[in-house]
Amino acid sequence: MGAIHKALAVGAMLVAAGGASAVTATASLNNVQVLVFDLTPLDGIAPSFSVLSSSNYASAYTQSGLNVWNSDSPAAVHLTATGLDLAGASNGSGVNLGSYSLTASASDTALSTYGYAYASISANFQIEVGAGTLVLITADSSVAADASGAVNGTYVYGTSQLQFYNWNDGISSNSNGYLQAYTGLNYGNLSPSASGSVSASFANFGASTVTGNLGLYAQAGTSTPMAPVPEPSSAAMLLSGLGVAFGLAFRRRERRA
């Protein structure tokens, strides 16, 4: 086999091997439930919880500069490029928490091309919690990450989360819940996954109604080392070297002929 044919054969094998590599991640959050409890049952005031407004946000982003976003209700994104697929949606609208379901997914088969890349989905609510009220939010979640086809320096994750935030009254407490699958080439488990219930709670110990925010999140992402871009001088030297190599190969063929 001639030098040129050998080079082409090696290149074909590398392309085939690269196409077989892949890292993927998924995350979902659904079946949101709200439970309300009375912290002061003897005061004669019924516990209360209400959602005042809602907003959705979906984005897909890569370190290499590709990005899309959407803030409709419901909101969805889908970003595709050679070897890359990022998608997600927040399916829900209005103030009915039970109508919301979030999904996110990421797949990268063009390793060392896009750097870190993710699909991030959220549903955000302004809420009101009555005096002496404990609110418990639960949801079903599923997350998975697979780095079986990874290269060195690759990390993959799927995360779902419930979070209360922006409370400044000084007489409340809250907890946030999340579920995550995270892995990389140096981890013992290259394809972790989990499913179950996540929960978050907020307690208003005061004598007045307070307002704040609740967030639902799902994110799936990959992080691969980006191949360095050669300097112009290095690229010219490389092309020059390849030209010499191919020239020598042609001369050998002519002499044999």
Protein backbone atom coordinates (compact mmCIF):
# COMPACT_ATOMS: atom_id res chain seq x y z
CA MET A 1 0.00 0.00 0.00
CA GLY A 2 1.42 3.43 -0.98
CA ALA A 3 2.09 6.25 1.48
CA ILE A 4 -0.96 8.22 0.32
CA HIS A 5 -3.28 5.23 0.60
CA LYS A 6 -1.91 4.51 4.08
CA ALA A 7 -2.59 8.10 5.16
CA LEU A 8 -6.14 7.95 3.82
CA ALA A 9 -6.74 4.59 5.52
CA VAL A 10 -5.50 5.88 8.87
CA GLY A 11 -7.67 8.99 8.51
CA ALA A 12 -10.74 6.89 7.79
CA MET A 13 -10.08 4.77 10.88
CA LEU A 14 -9.76 7.86 13.05
CA VAL A 15 -13.00 9.30 11.73
CA ALA A 16 -14.78 6.00 12.34
CA ALA A 17 -13.39 5.79 15.88
CA GLY A 18 -14.36 9.39 16.61
CA GLY A 19 -17.90 8.79 15.40
CA ALA A 20 -18.30 5.91 17.84
CA SER A 21 -17.57 8.12 20.88
CA ALA A 22 -20.41 9.86 22.70
CA VAL A 23 -21.35 11.42 26.02
CA THR A 24 -24.97 12.01 27.02
CA ALA A 25 -27.01 13.40 29.90
CA THR A 26 -30.71 13.79 30.76
CA ALA A 27 -32.81 15.34 33.53
CA SER A 28 -36.53 15.60 34.16
CA LEU A 29 -38.86 17.03 36.80
CA ASN A 30 -42.62 16.46 36.90
CA ASN A 31 -45.67 15.63 39.03
CA VAL A 32 -45.23 18.70 41.24
CA GLN A 33 -47.29 18.55 44.44
CA VAL A 34 -47.96 21.19 47.12
CA LEU A 35 -48.65 20.37 50.77
CA VAL A 36 -49.59 23.08 53.30
CA PHE A 37 -49.34 22.71 57.09
CA ASP A 38 -50.45 24.91 60.00
CA LEU A 39 -47.53 25.78 62.28
CA THR A 40 -49.81 27.50 64.83
CA PRO A 41 -53.09 25.55 64.87
CA LEU A 42 -54.34 27.29 68.04
CA ASP A 43 -54.25 30.87 66.69
CA GLY A 44 -57.44 30.50 64.67
CA ILE A 45 -55.73 31.56 61.41
CA ALA A 46 -55.84 29.07 58.55
CA PRO A 47 -52.56 28.37 56.71
CA SER A 48 -52.36 29.71 53.17
CA PHE A 49 -50.25 29.43 50.05
CA SER A 50 -50.77 30.96 46.60
CA VAL A 51 -48.89 31.44 43.34
CA LEU A 52 -49.04 35.06 42.15
CA SER A 53 -47.25 34.79 38.79
CA SER A 54 -45.04 32.51 36.72
CA SER A 55 -42.34 32.66 34.04
CA ASN A 56 -40.43 30.07 32.00
CA TYR A 57 -36.91 30.13 30.63
CA ALA A 58 -35.10 27.67 28.39
CA SER A 59 -31.58 28.01 27.04
CA ALA A 60 -28.97 25.92 25.23
CA TYR A 61 -25.35 27.06 25.19
CA THR A 62 -21.87 25.96 24.15
CA GLN A 63 -18.46 27.34 25.01
CA SER A 64 -17.71 27.50 21.29
CA GLY A 65 -20.28 30.28 20.86
CA LEU A 66 -23.52 28.51 19.88
CA ASN A 67 -26.58 29.49 21.92
CA VAL A 68 -30.36 29.80 21.77
CA TRP A 69 -32.93 30.80 24.38
CA ASN A 70 -36.68 31.05 24.85
CA SER A 71 -38.86 32.69 27.50
CA ASP A 72 -42.30 31.78 26.18
CA SER A 73 -44.88 29.95 28.29
CA PRO A 74 -44.36 27.05 27.76
CA ALA A 75 -40.72 27.44 26.72
CA ALA A 76 -38.59 25.08 24.62
CA VAL A 77 -35.19 25.05 22.88
CA HIS A 78 -33.39 22.72 20.50
CA LEU A 79 -29.82 23.39 19.42
CA THR A 80 -28.15 21.06 16.94
CA ALA A 81 -24.75 21.15 15.27
CA THR A 82 -22.41 18.52 13.85
CA GLY A 83 -22.25 15.82 16.52
CA LEU A 84 -24.15 17.92 19.08
CA ASP A 85 -27.78 17.87 20.26
CA LEU A 86 -29.06 20.04 23.14
CA ALA A 87 -32.79 20.14 23.91
CA GLY A 88 -35.17 21.02 26.70
CA ALA A 89 -38.61 22.31 27.57
CA SER A 90 -40.69 23.68 30.42
CA ASN A 91 -44.18 22.41 29.67
CA GLY A 92 -46.52 24.43 31.82
CA SER A 93 -48.13 27.83 32.08
CA GLY A 94 -50.06 29.92 34.54
CA VAL A 95 -50.12 29.44 38.31
CA ASN A 96 -50.99 25.74 38.49
CA LEU A 97 -47.77 24.11 39.73
CA GLY A 98 -49.13 20.64 39.01
CA SER A 99 -49.24 21.38 35.27
CA TYR A 100 -45.48 21.82 34.98
CA SER A 101 -42.96 19.27 33.70
CA LEU A 102 -39.35 20.04 32.80
CA THR A 103 -36.98 18.04 30.59
CA ALA A 104 -33.38 18.57 29.45
CA SER A 105 -30.99 16.47 27.37
CA ALA A 106 -27.47 16.78 25.97
CA SER A 107 -25.55 14.58 23.55
CA ASP A 108 -22.05 15.22 22.20
CA THR A 109 -20.40 12.89 19.69
CA ALA A 110 -17.99 15.55 18.39
CA LEU A 111 -15.74 15.46 21.44
CA SER A 112 -13.15 18.23 21.92
CA THR A 113 -15.15 20.55 19.65
CA TYR A 114 -17.70 22.52 21.68
CA GLY A 115 -16.15 22.70 25.18
CA TYR A 116 -18.83 22.83 27.84
CA ALA A 117 -22.37 22.59 26.48
CA TYR A 118 -25.71 22.41 28.26
CA ALA A 119 -29.47 22.73 28.08
CA SER A 120 -30.88 24.61 31.09
CA ILE A 121 -34.63 24.79 31.79
CA SER A 122 -36.46 26.63 34.57
CA ALA A 123 -39.95 27.56 35.73
CA ASN A 124 -40.07 30.42 38.23
CA PHE A 125 -42.93 31.51 40.44
CA GLN A 126 -43.66 34.44 42.71
CA ILE A 127 -45.48 32.99 45.69
CA GLU A 128 -47.23 34.14 48.85
CA VAL A 129 -47.14 32.24 52.15
CA GLY A 130 -49.51 33.06 55.00
CA ALA A 131 -48.56 33.60 58.63
CA GLY A 132 -47.76 30.42 60.55
CA THR A 133 -47.65 28.32 57.37
CA LEU A 134 -45.29 25.55 56.30
CA VAL A 135 -45.20 24.76 52.57
CA LEU A 136 -43.74 21.50 51.25
CA ILE A 137 -43.16 21.12 47.49
CA THR A 138 -42.41 17.65 46.08
CA ALA A 139 -41.75 16.43 42.54
CA ASP A 140 -40.73 13.26 40.72
CA SER A 141 -37.31 13.41 39.13
CA SER A 142 -35.05 11.31 36.92
CA VAL A 143 -31.41 12.04 36.02
CA ALA A 144 -28.73 10.18 34.08
CA ALA A 145 -25.23 10.75 32.73
CA ASP A 146 -23.11 8.56 30.48
CA ALA A 147 -19.40 9.15 29.85
CA SER A 148 -18.66 5.69 28.43
CA GLY A 149 -17.41 7.17 25.15
CA ALA A 150 -15.52 10.06 26.74
CA VAL A 151 -12.03 11.39 26.16
CA ASN A 152 -9.73 12.54 28.96
CA GLY A 153 -10.95 15.66 30.71
CA THR A 154 -14.63 15.00 29.96
CA TYR A 155 -17.42 15.44 32.54
CA VAL A 156 -21.15 14.84 32.14
CA TYR A 157 -24.10 15.67 34.41
CA GLY A 158 -27.88 15.70 34.71
CA THR A 159 -29.45 17.75 37.54
CA SER A 160 -32.96 18.57 38.76
CA GLN A 161 -33.76 20.97 41.59
CA LEU A 162 -36.49 22.67 43.62
CA GLN A 163 -35.52 25.93 45.31
CA PHE A 164 -37.06 28.69 47.42
CA TYR A 165 -35.19 32.00 47.16
CA ASN A 166 -35.29 35.77 47.76
CA TRP A 167 -36.74 35.71 51.26
CA ASN A 168 -35.60 38.59 53.49
CA ASP A 169 -38.15 38.81 56.27
CA GLY A 170 -35.85 37.27 58.90
CA ILE A 171 -38.54 35.03 60.40
CA SER A 172 -38.57 32.15 57.97
CA SER A 173 -36.52 29.10 57.06
CA ASN A 174 -36.30 27.05 53.90
CA SER A 175 -34.68 23.95 52.43
CA ASN A 176 -33.91 23.11 48.82
CA GLY A 177 -33.79 19.69 47.16
CA TYR A 178 -31.98 18.32 44.14
CA LEU A 179 -31.05 15.09 42.38
CA GLN A 180 -27.86 14.79 40.33
CA ALA A 181 -25.97 12.26 38.21
CA TYR A 182 -22.36 13.31 37.57
CA THR A 183 -19.47 11.42 36.04
CA GLY A 184 -16.25 11.60 34.05
CA LEU A 185 -13.64 9.33 32.55
CA ASN A 186 -11.80 9.03 35.88
CA TYR A 187 -14.95 8.01 37.82
CA GLY A 188 -15.68 4.44 38.82
CA ASN A 189 -19.24 4.57 37.45
CA LEU A 190 -19.31 5.93 33.91
CA SER A 191 -23.10 5.79 33.54
CA PRO A 192 -24.82 6.78 36.83
CA SER A 193 -28.57 7.34 36.95
CA ALA A 194 -31.17 7.97 39.65
CA SER A 195 -34.89 8.54 39.98
CA GLY A 196 -37.09 9.44 42.91
CA SER A 197 -38.76 12.29 44.76
CA VAL A 198 -37.15 15.65 45.48
CA SER A 199 -38.61 18.19 47.90
CA ALA A 200 -38.20 21.71 49.21
CA SER A 201 -39.89 23.42 52.14
CA PHE A 202 -40.55 26.94 53.37
CA ALA A 203 -41.79 27.93 56.83
CA ASN A 204 -43.21 31.34 57.70
CA PHE A 205 -42.99 31.72 61.49
CA GLY A 206 -44.14 35.34 61.45
CA ALA A 207 -47.52 36.90 62.07
CA SER A 208 -47.80 38.41 58.57
CA THR A 209 -48.01 37.07 55.04
CA VAL A 210 -44.70 37.08 53.12
CA THR A 211 -43.86 36.87 49.43
CA GLY A 212 -40.89 35.21 47.72
CA ASN A 213 -39.95 32.94 44.87
CA LEU A 214 -39.91 29.27 43.98
CA GLY A 215 -37.84 27.79 41.16
CA LEU A 216 -38.03 24.45 39.34
CA TYR A 217 -34.92 23.49 37.35
CA ALA A 218 -33.64 20.78 35.01
CA GLN A 219 -30.21 20.88 33.40
CA ALA A 220 -28.19 18.46 31.29
CA GLY A 221 -24.65 19.21 30.24
CA THR A 222 -21.31 17.99 28.99
CA SER A 223 -17.81 19.39 29.32
CA THR A 224 -15.09 18.25 26.93
CA PRO A 225 -11.61 19.75 26.40
CA MET A 226 -11.61 21.91 23.30
CA ALA A 227 -8.85 21.12 20.81
CA PRO A 228 -6.44 24.07 20.63
CA VAL A 229 -6.55 26.12 17.43
CA PRO A 230 -3.04 26.23 15.89
CA GLU A 231 -1.31 29.58 15.46
CA PRO A 232 -1.08 30.79 11.82
CA SER A 233 2.67 30.04 11.73
CA SER A 234 2.11 26.55 13.13
CA ALA A 235 -0.69 25.87 10.65
CA ALA A 236 1.51 27.04 7.74
CA MET A 237 4.35 24.80 8.91
CA LEU A 238 1.97 21.84 9.20
CA LEU A 239 0.58 22.37 5.69
CA SER A 240 4.09 22.78 4.32
CA GLY A 241 5.14 19.51 5.94
CA LEU A 242 2.13 17.70 4.52
CA GLY A 243 2.95 19.07 1.08
CA VAL A 244 6.49 17.75 1.28
CA ALA A 245 5.25 14.34 2.45
CA PHE A 246 2.77 14.03 -0.41
CA GLY A 247 5.39 15.28 -2.88
CA LEU A 248 7.82 12.60 -1.80
CA ALA A 249 5.11 9.96 -2.09
CA PHE A 250 4.34 11.02 -5.68
CA ARG A 251 8.04 11.00 -6.62
CA ARG A 252 8.42 7.47 -5.29
CA ARG A 253 5.49 6.36 -7.39
CA GLU A 254 6.97 8.02 -10.52
CA ARG A 255 10.35 6.32 -10.02
CA ARG A 256 8.69 2.94 -9.65
CA ALA A 257 6.72 3.57 -12.81
